[in-house]
């Protein structure tokens, strides 16, 4: 057991359309 570091969240997931994309989602243009 060791505490090595830290986990940070920058975006979400593809399934919930929370992943941060450069261009809009193809199935959710807005």
ModelCIF file with pLDDT and N, C-alpha, C, O atoms, coordinates in Angstrom:
data_MODEL
#
_entry.id   MODEL 
#
_entity.id                         1 
_entity.type                       polymer 
_entity.pdbx_number_of_molecules   1 
#
_entity_poly.entity_id                      1 
_entity_poly.type                           'polypeptide(L)' 
_entity_poly.nstd_linkage                   no 
_entity_poly.nstd_monomer                   no 
_entity_poly.pdbx_seq_one_letter_code       
;(UNK)(UNK)(UNK)(UNK)(UNK)(UNK)(UNK)(UNK)(UNK)(UNK)(UNK)(UNK)(UNK)(UNK)(UNK)(UNK)
(UNK)(UNK)(UNK)(UNK)(UNK)(UNK)(UNK)(UNK)(UNK)(UNK)(UNK)(UNK)(UNK)(UNK)
;
_entity_poly.pdbx_seq_one_letter_code_can   XXXXXXXXXXXXXXXXXXXXXXXXXXXXXX 
_entity_poly.pdbx_strand_id                 A 
#
loop_
_entity_poly_seq.entity_id 
_entity_poly_seq.num 
_entity_poly_seq.mon_id 
_entity_poly_seq.hetero 
1 1  UNK n 
1 2  UNK n 
1 3  UNK n 
1 4  UNK n 
1 5  UNK n 
1 6  UNK n 
1 7  UNK n 
1 8  UNK n 
1 9  UNK n 
1 10 UNK n 
1 11 UNK n 
1 12 UNK n 
1 13 UNK n 
1 14 UNK n 
1 15 UNK n 
1 16 UNK n 
1 17 UNK n 
1 18 UNK n 
1 19 UNK n 
1 20 UNK n 
1 21 UNK n 
1 22 UNK n 
1 23 UNK n 
1 24 UNK n 
1 25 UNK n 
1 26 UNK n 
1 27 UNK n 
1 28 UNK n 
1 29 UNK n 
1 30 UNK n 
#
_struct_asym.id          A 
_struct_asym.entity_id   1 
#
loop_
_ma_qa_metric.id 
_ma_qa_metric.mode 
_ma_qa_metric.name 
_ma_qa_metric.software_group_id 
_ma_qa_metric.type 
1 global pLDDT . pLDDT 
2 local  pLDDT . pLDDT 
#
_ma_qa_metric_global.metric_id      1 
_ma_qa_metric_global.metric_value   95.70 
_ma_qa_metric_global.model_id       1 
_ma_qa_metric_global.ordinal_id     1 
#
loop_
_ma_qa_metric_local.label_asym_id 
_ma_qa_metric_local.label_comp_id 
_ma_qa_metric_local.label_seq_id 
_ma_qa_metric_local.metric_id 
_ma_qa_metric_local.metric_value 
_ma_qa_metric_local.model_id 
_ma_qa_metric_local.ordinal_id 
A UNK 1  2 98.00 1 1  
A UNK 2  2 98.00 1 2  
A UNK 3  2 98.00 1 3  
A UNK 4  2 98.00 1 4  
A UNK 5  2 98.00 1 5  
A UNK 6  2 98.00 1 6  
A UNK 7  2 98.00 1 7  
A UNK 8  2 98.00 1 8  
A UNK 9  2 97.00 1 9  
A UNK 10 2 97.00 1 10 
A UNK 11 2 96.00 1 11 
A UNK 12 2 93.00 1 12 
A UNK 13 2 93.00 1 13 
A UNK 14 2 93.00 1 14 
A UNK 15 2 89.00 1 15 
A UNK 16 2 88.00 1 16 
A UNK 17 2 93.00 1 17 
A UNK 18 2 93.00 1 18 
A UNK 19 2 96.00 1 19 
A UNK 20 2 98.00 1 20 
A UNK 21 2 98.00 1 21 
A UNK 22 2 98.00 1 22 
A UNK 23 2 97.00 1 23 
A UNK 24 2 97.00 1 24 
A UNK 25 2 97.00 1 25 
A UNK 26 2 97.00 1 26 
A UNK 27 2 95.00 1 27 
A UNK 28 2 95.00 1 28 
A UNK 29 2 94.00 1 29 
A UNK 30 2 93.00 1 30 
#
loop_
_atom_site.group_PDB 
_atom_site.id 
_atom_site.type_symbol 
_atom_site.label_atom_id 
_atom_site.label_alt_id 
_atom_site.label_comp_id 
_atom_site.label_asym_id 
_atom_site.label_entity_id 
_atom_site.label_seq_id 
_atom_site.pdbx_PDB_ins_code 
_atom_site.Cartn_x 
_atom_site.Cartn_y 
_atom_site.Cartn_z 
_atom_site.occupancy 
_atom_site.B_iso_or_equiv 
_atom_site.pdbx_formal_charge 
_atom_site.auth_seq_id 
_atom_site.auth_comp_id 
_atom_site.auth_asym_id 
_atom_site.auth_atom_id 
_atom_site.pdbx_PDB_model_num 
ATOM 1   N N  . UNK A 1 1  ? 0.834   -1.195 0.000   1.00 98.00 ? 1  UNK A N  1 
ATOM 2   C CA . UNK A 1 1  ? 0.000   0.000  0.000   1.00 98.00 ? 1  UNK A CA 1 
ATOM 3   C C  . UNK A 1 1  ? 0.870   1.246  0.000   1.00 98.00 ? 1  UNK A C  1 
ATOM 4   O O  . UNK A 1 1  ? 1.806   1.375  0.788   1.00 98.00 ? 1  UNK A O  1 
ATOM 5   N N  . UNK A 1 2  ? 0.534   2.165  -0.910  1.00 98.00 ? 2  UNK A N  1 
ATOM 6   C CA . UNK A 1 2  ? 1.255   3.433  -0.980  1.00 98.00 ? 2  UNK A CA 1 
ATOM 7   C C  . UNK A 1 2  ? 0.348   4.494  -1.586  1.00 98.00 ? 2  UNK A C  1 
ATOM 8   O O  . UNK A 1 2  ? -0.382  4.218  -2.538  1.00 98.00 ? 2  UNK A O  1 
ATOM 9   N N  . UNK A 1 3  ? 0.390   5.708  -1.040  1.00 98.00 ? 3  UNK A N  1 
ATOM 10  C CA . UNK A 1 3  ? -0.256  6.861  -1.676  1.00 98.00 ? 3  UNK A CA 1 
ATOM 11  C C  . UNK A 1 3  ? 0.787   7.472  -2.602  1.00 98.00 ? 3  UNK A C  1 
ATOM 12  O O  . UNK A 1 3  ? 1.748   8.096  -2.149  1.00 98.00 ? 3  UNK A O  1 
ATOM 13  N N  . UNK A 1 4  ? 0.586   7.287  -3.901  1.00 98.00 ? 4  UNK A N  1 
ATOM 14  C CA . UNK A 1 4  ? 1.579   7.670  -4.901  1.00 98.00 ? 4  UNK A CA 1 
ATOM 15  C C  . UNK A 1 4  ? 1.363   9.079  -5.418  1.00 98.00 ? 4  UNK A C  1 
ATOM 16  O O  . UNK A 1 4  ? 2.310   9.840  -5.612  1.00 98.00 ? 4  UNK A O  1 
ATOM 17  N N  . UNK A 1 5  ? 0.090   9.414  -5.638  1.00 98.00 ? 5  UNK A N  1 
ATOM 18  C CA . UNK A 1 5  ? -0.183  10.694 -6.275  1.00 98.00 ? 5  UNK A CA 1 
ATOM 19  C C  . UNK A 1 5  ? -1.629  11.096 -6.155  1.00 98.00 ? 5  UNK A C  1 
ATOM 20  O O  . UNK A 1 5  ? -2.322  10.710 -5.214  1.00 98.00 ? 5  UNK A O  1 
ATOM 21  N N  . UNK A 1 6  ? -2.086  11.886 -7.130  1.00 98.00 ? 6  UNK A N  1 
ATOM 22  C CA . UNK A 1 6  ? -3.431  12.444 -7.083  1.00 98.00 ? 6  UNK A CA 1 
ATOM 23  C C  . UNK A 1 6  ? -4.115  12.240 -8.423  1.00 98.00 ? 6  UNK A C  1 
ATOM 24  O O  . UNK A 1 6  ? -3.485  12.324 -9.478  1.00 98.00 ? 6  UNK A O  1 
ATOM 25  N N  . UNK A 1 7  ? -5.411  11.971 -8.368  1.00 98.00 ? 7  UNK A N  1 
ATOM 26  C CA . UNK A 1 7  ? -6.235  11.816 -9.574  1.00 98.00 ? 7  UNK A CA 1 
ATOM 27  C C  . UNK A 1 7  ? -7.034  13.097 -9.769  1.00 98.00 ? 7  UNK A C  1 
ATOM 28  O O  . UNK A 1 7  ? -7.698  13.570 -8.847  1.00 98.00 ? 7  UNK A O  1 
ATOM 29  N N  . UNK A 1 8  ? -6.964  13.656 -10.977 1.00 98.00 ? 8  UNK A N  1 
ATOM 30  C CA . UNK A 1 8  ? -7.717  14.851 -11.340 1.00 98.00 ? 8  UNK A CA 1 
ATOM 31  C C  . UNK A 1 8  ? -8.610  14.530 -12.521 1.00 98.00 ? 8  UNK A C  1 
ATOM 32  O O  . UNK A 1 8  ? -8.229  13.759 -13.402 1.00 98.00 ? 8  UNK A O  1 
ATOM 33  N N  . UNK A 1 9  ? -9.804  15.122 -12.543 1.00 97.00 ? 9  UNK A N  1 
ATOM 34  C CA . UNK A 1 9  ? -10.742 14.936 -13.654 1.00 97.00 ? 9  UNK A CA 1 
ATOM 35  C C  . UNK A 1 9  ? -10.740 16.175 -14.533 1.00 97.00 ? 9  UNK A C  1 
ATOM 36  O O  . UNK A 1 9  ? -10.965 17.286 -14.053 1.00 97.00 ? 9  UNK A O  1 
ATOM 37  N N  . UNK A 1 10 ? -10.482 15.980 -15.838 1.00 97.00 ? 10 UNK A N  1 
ATOM 38  C CA . UNK A 1 10 ? -10.542 17.105 -16.758 1.00 97.00 ? 10 UNK A CA 1 
ATOM 39  C C  . UNK A 1 10 ? -11.828 17.102 -17.582 1.00 97.00 ? 10 UNK A C  1 
ATOM 40  O O  . UNK A 1 10 ? -12.320 18.162 -17.968 1.00 97.00 ? 10 UNK A O  1 
ATOM 41  N N  . UNK A 1 11 ? -12.375 15.908 -17.853 1.00 96.00 ? 11 UNK A N  1 
ATOM 42  C CA . UNK A 1 11 ? -13.640 15.862 -18.588 1.00 96.00 ? 11 UNK A CA 1 
ATOM 43  C C  . UNK A 1 11 ? -14.426 14.636 -18.165 1.00 96.00 ? 11 UNK A C  1 
ATOM 44  O O  . UNK A 1 11 ? -14.047 13.934 -17.228 1.00 96.00 ? 11 UNK A O  1 
ATOM 45  N N  . UNK A 1 12 ? -15.539 14.381 -18.874 1.00 93.00 ? 12 UNK A N  1 
ATOM 46  C CA . UNK A 1 12 ? -16.392 13.252 -18.555 1.00 93.00 ? 12 UNK A CA 1 
ATOM 47  C C  . UNK A 1 12 ? -16.149 12.090 -19.508 1.00 93.00 ? 12 UNK A C  1 
ATOM 48  O O  . UNK A 1 12 ? -15.015 11.836 -19.914 1.00 93.00 ? 12 UNK A O  1 
ATOM 49  N N  . UNK A 1 13 ? -17.224 11.387 -19.864 1.00 93.00 ? 13 UNK A N  1 
ATOM 50  C CA . UNK A 1 13 ? -17.122 10.181 -20.682 1.00 93.00 ? 13 UNK A CA 1 
ATOM 51  C C  . UNK A 1 13 ? -17.906 10.341 -21.979 1.00 93.00 ? 13 UNK A C  1 
ATOM 52  O O  . UNK A 1 13 ? -18.784 11.197 -22.094 1.00 93.00 ? 13 UNK A O  1 
ATOM 53  N N  . UNK A 1 14 ? -17.569 9.497  -22.953 1.00 93.00 ? 14 UNK A N  1 
ATOM 54  C CA . UNK A 1 14 ? -18.260 9.541  -24.243 1.00 93.00 ? 14 UNK A CA 1 
ATOM 55  C C  . UNK A 1 14 ? -19.732 9.160  -24.113 1.00 93.00 ? 14 UNK A C  1 
ATOM 56  O O  . UNK A 1 14 ? -20.598 9.782  -24.729 1.00 93.00 ? 14 UNK A O  1 
ATOM 57  N N  . UNK A 1 15 ? -20.009 8.132  -23.306 1.00 89.00 ? 15 UNK A N  1 
ATOM 58  C CA . UNK A 1 15 ? -21.377 7.615  -23.225 1.00 89.00 ? 15 UNK A CA 1 
ATOM 59  C C  . UNK A 1 15 ? -22.389 8.642  -22.788 1.00 89.00 ? 15 UNK A C  1 
ATOM 60  O O  . UNK A 1 15 ? -23.520 8.650  -23.273 1.00 89.00 ? 15 UNK A O  1 
ATOM 61  N N  . UNK A 1 16 ? -21.992 9.518  -21.866 1.00 88.00 ? 16 UNK A N  1 
ATOM 62  C CA . UNK A 1 16 ? -22.884 10.563 -21.371 1.00 88.00 ? 16 UNK A CA 1 
ATOM 63  C C  . UNK A 1 16 ? -22.633 11.895 -22.075 1.00 88.00 ? 16 UNK A C  1 
ATOM 64  O O  . UNK A 1 16 ? -23.156 12.933 -21.667 1.00 88.00 ? 16 UNK A O  1 
ATOM 65  N N  . UNK A 1 17 ? -21.830 11.853 -23.132 1.00 93.00 ? 17 UNK A N  1 
ATOM 66  C CA . UNK A 1 17 ? -21.437 13.042 -23.906 1.00 93.00 ? 17 UNK A CA 1 
ATOM 67  C C  . UNK A 1 17 ? -20.800 14.106 -23.003 1.00 93.00 ? 17 UNK A C  1 
ATOM 68  O O  . UNK A 1 17 ? -20.988 15.308 -23.191 1.00 93.00 ? 17 UNK A O  1 
ATOM 69  N N  . UNK A 1 18 ? -20.051 13.623 -22.031 1.00 93.00 ? 18 UNK A N  1 
ATOM 70  C CA . UNK A 1 18 ? -19.321 14.535 -21.162 1.00 93.00 ? 18 UNK A CA 1 
ATOM 71  C C  . UNK A 1 18 ? -17.861 14.678 -21.551 1.00 93.00 ? 18 UNK A C  1 
ATOM 72  O O  . UNK A 1 18 ? -17.173 15.579 -21.071 1.00 93.00 ? 18 UNK A O  1 
ATOM 73  N N  . UNK A 1 19 ? -17.377 13.781 -22.431 1.00 96.00 ? 19 UNK A N  1 
ATOM 74  C CA . UNK A 1 19 ? -15.995 13.893 -22.907 1.00 96.00 ? 19 UNK A CA 1 
ATOM 75  C C  . UNK A 1 19 ? -15.861 15.203 -23.695 1.00 96.00 ? 19 UNK A C  1 
ATOM 76  O O  . UNK A 1 19 ? -16.714 15.529 -24.520 1.00 96.00 ? 19 UNK A O  1 
ATOM 77  N N  . UNK A 1 20 ? -14.798 15.936 -23.434 1.00 98.00 ? 20 UNK A N  1 
ATOM 78  C CA . UNK A 1 20 ? -14.606 17.280 -24.007 1.00 98.00 ? 20 UNK A CA 1 
ATOM 79  C C  . UNK A 1 20 ? -13.956 17.159 -25.375 1.00 98.00 ? 20 UNK A C  1 
ATOM 80  O O  . UNK A 1 20 ? -12.824 16.691 -25.495 1.00 98.00 ? 20 UNK A O  1 
ATOM 81  N N  . UNK A 1 21 ? -14.673 17.582 -26.400 1.00 98.00 ? 21 UNK A N  1 
ATOM 82  C CA . UNK A 1 21 ? -14.220 17.447 -27.778 1.00 98.00 ? 21 UNK A CA 1 
ATOM 83  C C  . UNK A 1 21 ? -13.884 18.803 -28.397 1.00 98.00 ? 21 UNK A C  1 
ATOM 84  O O  . UNK A 1 21 ? -14.411 19.839 -27.992 1.00 98.00 ? 21 UNK A O  1 
ATOM 85  N N  . UNK A 1 22 ? -13.000 18.767 -29.383 1.00 98.00 ? 22 UNK A N  1 
ATOM 86  C CA . UNK A 1 22 ? -12.643 19.990 -30.109 1.00 98.00 ? 22 UNK A CA 1 
ATOM 87  C C  . UNK A 1 22 ? -13.784 20.446 -31.016 1.00 98.00 ? 22 UNK A C  1 
ATOM 88  O O  . UNK A 1 22 ? -13.995 21.643 -31.212 1.00 98.00 ? 22 UNK A O  1 
ATOM 89  N N  . UNK A 1 23 ? -14.518 19.475 -31.567 1.00 97.00 ? 23 UNK A N  1 
ATOM 90  C CA . UNK A 1 23 ? -15.656 19.755 -32.432 1.00 97.00 ? 23 UNK A CA 1 
ATOM 91  C C  . UNK A 1 23 ? -16.900 19.115 -31.826 1.00 97.00 ? 23 UNK A C  1 
ATOM 92  O O  . UNK A 1 23 ? -16.782 18.163 -31.054 1.00 97.00 ? 23 UNK A O  1 
ATOM 93  N N  . UNK A 1 24 ? -18.104 19.621 -32.162 1.00 97.00 ? 24 UNK A N  1 
ATOM 94  C CA . UNK A 1 24 ? -19.327 19.076 -31.562 1.00 97.00 ? 24 UNK A CA 1 
ATOM 95  C C  . UNK A 1 24 ? -19.506 17.582 -31.847 1.00 97.00 ? 24 UNK A C  1 
ATOM 96  O O  . UNK A 1 24 ? -18.977 17.048 -32.822 1.00 97.00 ? 24 UNK A O  1 
ATOM 97  N N  . UNK A 1 25 ? -20.255 16.937 -30.980 1.00 97.00 ? 25 UNK A N  1 
ATOM 98  C CA . UNK A 1 25 ? -20.600 15.536 -31.173 1.00 97.00 ? 25 UNK A CA 1 
ATOM 99  C C  . UNK A 1 25 ? -21.354 15.356 -32.482 1.00 97.00 ? 25 UNK A C  1 
ATOM 100 O O  . UNK A 1 25 ? -22.209 16.170 -32.831 1.00 97.00 ? 25 UNK A O  1 
ATOM 101 N N  . UNK A 1 26 ? -21.038 14.296 -33.198 1.00 97.00 ? 26 UNK A N  1 
ATOM 102 C CA . UNK A 1 26 ? -21.715 14.025 -34.463 1.00 97.00 ? 26 UNK A CA 1 
ATOM 103 C C  . UNK A 1 26 ? -23.198 13.735 -34.241 1.00 97.00 ? 26 UNK A C  1 
ATOM 104 O O  . UNK A 1 26 ? -24.023 14.038 -35.102 1.00 97.00 ? 26 UNK A O  1 
ATOM 105 N N  . UNK A 1 27 ? -23.543 13.150 -33.092 1.00 95.00 ? 27 UNK A N  1 
ATOM 106 C CA . UNK A 1 27 ? -24.941 12.816 -32.817 1.00 95.00 ? 27 UNK A CA 1 
ATOM 107 C C  . UNK A 1 27 ? -25.601 13.792 -31.844 1.00 95.00 ? 27 UNK A C  1 
ATOM 108 O O  . UNK A 1 27 ? -26.710 13.542 -31.371 1.00 95.00 ? 27 UNK A O  1 
ATOM 109 N N  . UNK A 1 28 ? -24.931 14.890 -31.545 1.00 95.00 ? 28 UNK A N  1 
ATOM 110 C CA . UNK A 1 28 ? -25.511 15.958 -30.716 1.00 95.00 ? 28 UNK A CA 1 
ATOM 111 C C  . UNK A 1 28 ? -24.796 17.251 -31.101 1.00 95.00 ? 28 UNK A C  1 
ATOM 112 O O  . UNK A 1 28 ? -23.926 17.716 -30.365 1.00 95.00 ? 28 UNK A O  1 
ATOM 113 N N  . UNK A 1 29 ? -25.156 17.840 -32.254 1.00 94.00 ? 29 UNK A N  1 
ATOM 114 C CA . UNK A 1 29 ? -24.396 18.954 -32.832 1.00 94.00 ? 29 UNK A CA 1 
ATOM 115 C C  . UNK A 1 29 ? -24.195 20.161 -31.923 1.00 94.00 ? 29 UNK A C  1 
ATOM 116 O O  . UNK A 1 29 ? -23.264 20.940 -32.129 1.00 94.00 ? 29 UNK A O  1 
ATOM 117 N N  . UNK A 1 30 ? -25.047 20.325 -30.930 1.00 93.00 ? 30 UNK A N  1 
ATOM 118 C CA . UNK A 1 30 ? -24.886 21.493 -30.063 1.00 93.00 ? 30 UNK A CA 1 
ATOM 119 C C  . UNK A 1 30 ? -23.989 21.271 -28.866 1.00 93.00 ? 30 UNK A C  1 
ATOM 120 O O  . UNK A 1 30 ? -23.784 22.188 -28.070 1.00 93.00 ? 30 UNK A O  1 
#
